[in-house]
């Protein structure tokens, strides 16, 4: 990476339906250092802009009142102006976006052009709850700052190198060729862990590793020698583990039954699968693992047990997919911060020789397995934003846009 006298910076954007999280990374020698974190919340209702430095000291706190310009383009224009005013002379080179779906084609980050944006728009049916908001931010940023290069970093890209059998449903081949296949998600998180683990444990660089990305949205991935081999999420981000409000794996016959016996249509099923199920649906208490662990409600305990059972079960499945198991890594909100969940999963994997060090687990790692554990177990905080920033700088360099 070339370093200029005043430095360079990249804006990382993660857009949702009513909020937009952002980070600013600056070059520090050959590395990237996060300088600012923030968000715009309440988009479409009562927007609010907040930003903090790396010490979590407030840098900005602005709310838009009635009648003030508050559409997405205006908000992103404000964000860009504010960011450039707080770069201390550094040059903002590009914006990198988390885009949930890259389809079968995009296996690497890509410089965004009108043609690419149009192609990504065609993938909206594959990720209807995420892709439209990712693209809305890209379009709005393009209107607000058309000369700023933008880069799409895909949550599906890391999995595109999986063996064909990990990506294929047992459907008529024509449907597979049309795009109905297992894509996998949380790829930016898994890619970061795949790079970070060998730095922390060089002996695991070529290992068979199951990574547990456990949070409100949860999935797991089999990684062999740094490459994705299999994952629990498939055609959509509702597959695999039970999540905060999502069902996870479900017999498709249940959907046919609900359509015929309950008269449920596509919209009803979507709300059920994505918003009313998972930890919330089973417990009837909350979608928050912390609340469930503290609750005396027996249904809350059952939701926790169902979740831990699924994580342990998928560990065995993924180990089989890659032909072995040399290490387990926990990451994301629950994975990084819930010692009770990690302990329960480890108990269910004791038959594999998994054994945790109670003190290390309580301290959230980084290595939490006991000295006599047959399988080493790690807790590694993920950093999807850093992964996006690194990819964005690489695409900028490859395109000669400095």
Foldseek 3Di string as FASTA:
>chain_A
DDADPLWAKEKEWEWADFKIKIWIWTDDDPAIDTFKTWMWGRQPHKTWTWMAGPVRHTDDTDIDDPPDDRHLLVVLLVVVVVVVVPSRPHHHQAYEYEAADPALPDLAKDWDDPVSLVVLVVCCVLEVRGRVRRSVNVVSNCVSPVVHIYIYGYQQNLQSPAPPVQWADPDPVVVVVVRQTFRHGNNLQLLQCLVVVCVVPVVCQQHFEKEWAADQQTKIFTAGNSGTHHIQGTSHSLAAAQHLQARHHDDVVVVVCCCVVVVDDPVRVVCNHHPHDGLCVQQVPGSHLVCLVPDPRVSSVVSLVSRLVRVLVVVVVSCVRVVHHAAYEFEHDCRQQPLVSVQSNQVSCVVVQWAFDSVCSNVRHQWTTDPRRRHTYGYDYTDSSSSSRVSVVVNCVVVVSD
